[in-house]
Amino acid sequence: MAGKRRGTSTPLVRTARPERRRAALNIRLAQAHDPKQRVALAAEYLRSALAIHPDHTTAETAVTHLIETADRLFRGKEQQQ
């Protein structure tokens, strides 16, 4: 069976890697209380995924979303002043 070790039915390391990466991200996000640090962790997680599976459309969507969110924050701060 593809993705399994012979005779043990345990997943190969490469099959379990995405789950381990996501679990590590969840731990780091739980430990991070600063919003800037949480955004940086999520961006690093996306960057590592794009390094393995380059997808320009996904990258552009993420970049556009981040910029639009930052623009809303800046406009909100300017309106408060």
Protein backbone atom coordinates (compact mmCIF):
# COMPACT_ATOMS: atom_id res chain seq x y z
CA MET A 1 0.00 0.00 0.00
CA ALA A 2 1.42 3.39 -0.95
CA GLY A 3 2.42 5.59 1.95
CA LYS A 4 2.58 2.76 4.47
CA ARG A 5 5.47 0.78 5.85
CA ARG A 6 5.37 -2.88 5.01
CA GLY A 7 3.82 -4.96 7.72
CA THR A 8 3.35 -2.16 10.27
CA SER A 9 0.46 -0.12 8.83
CA THR A 10 2.08 3.06 10.23
CA PRO A 11 2.42 6.01 7.88
CA LEU A 12 5.75 6.89 6.36
CA VAL A 13 7.43 10.04 7.67
CA ARG A 14 6.57 12.07 4.56
CA THR A 15 2.91 11.09 4.93
CA ALA A 16 2.77 12.26 8.55
CA ARG A 17 4.78 15.44 7.98
CA PRO A 18 1.85 17.79 7.18
CA GLU A 19 0.07 16.79 10.40
CA ARG A 20 3.26 17.36 12.42
CA ARG A 21 3.79 20.76 10.81
CA ARG A 22 0.21 21.81 11.56
CA ALA A 23 0.48 20.55 15.15
CA ALA A 24 3.70 22.51 15.63
CA LEU A 25 2.00 25.63 14.21
CA ASN A 26 -0.93 25.19 16.59
CA ILE A 27 1.44 24.98 19.55
CA ARG A 28 3.34 28.10 18.49
CA LEU A 29 0.09 29.99 17.87
CA ALA A 30 -1.17 29.01 21.32
CA GLN A 31 2.03 30.32 22.88
CA ALA A 32 2.03 33.58 20.90
CA HIS A 33 -0.07 36.34 22.40
CA ASP A 34 1.19 39.24 20.31
CA PRO A 35 -0.90 39.72 17.12
CA LYS A 36 2.21 40.59 15.10
CA GLN A 37 3.86 37.34 16.16
CA ARG A 38 0.74 35.32 15.27
CA VAL A 39 0.59 36.87 11.79
CA ALA A 40 4.30 36.17 11.30
CA LEU A 41 3.81 32.52 12.30
CA ALA A 42 0.91 32.09 9.88
CA ALA A 43 2.88 33.79 7.09
CA GLU A 44 5.86 31.53 7.73
CA TYR A 45 3.59 28.48 7.61
CA LEU A 46 2.23 29.61 4.22
CA ARG A 47 5.74 30.39 2.99
CA SER A 48 6.92 26.88 3.87
CA ALA A 49 3.90 25.34 2.10
CA LEU A 50 4.59 27.43 -1.00
CA ALA A 51 8.23 26.30 -0.97
CA ILE A 52 7.05 22.71 -1.32
CA HIS A 53 4.04 23.35 -3.57
CA PRO A 54 4.54 26.61 -5.49
CA ASP A 55 1.17 28.10 -6.38
CA HIS A 56 1.27 31.66 -7.69
CA THR A 57 -2.50 32.07 -7.50
CA THR A 58 -2.62 31.14 -3.83
CA ALA A 59 0.36 33.37 -3.08
CA GLU A 60 -1.21 36.35 -4.85
CA THR A 61 -4.51 35.77 -3.05
CA ALA A 62 -2.75 35.73 0.32
CA VAL A 63 -0.70 38.84 -0.50
CA THR A 64 -3.79 40.72 -1.67
CA HIS A 65 -5.71 39.72 1.46
CA LEU A 66 -2.88 40.82 3.76
CA ILE A 67 -2.51 44.18 2.02
CA GLU A 68 -6.26 44.84 2.06
CA THR A 69 -6.41 43.97 5.76
CA ALA A 70 -3.50 46.30 6.52
CA ASP A 71 -5.17 49.07 4.48
CA ARG A 72 -8.36 48.67 6.56
CA LEU A 73 -6.32 48.92 9.76
CA PHE A 74 -4.52 52.03 8.55
CA ARG A 75 -7.80 53.68 7.49
CA GLY A 76 -9.34 52.83 10.85
CA LYS A 77 -6.41 54.37 12.72
CA GLU A 78 -6.50 57.51 10.56
CA GLN A 79 -10.24 57.96 11.17
CA GLN A 80 -9.73 57.69 14.94
CA GLN A 81 -7.14 60.47 14.96
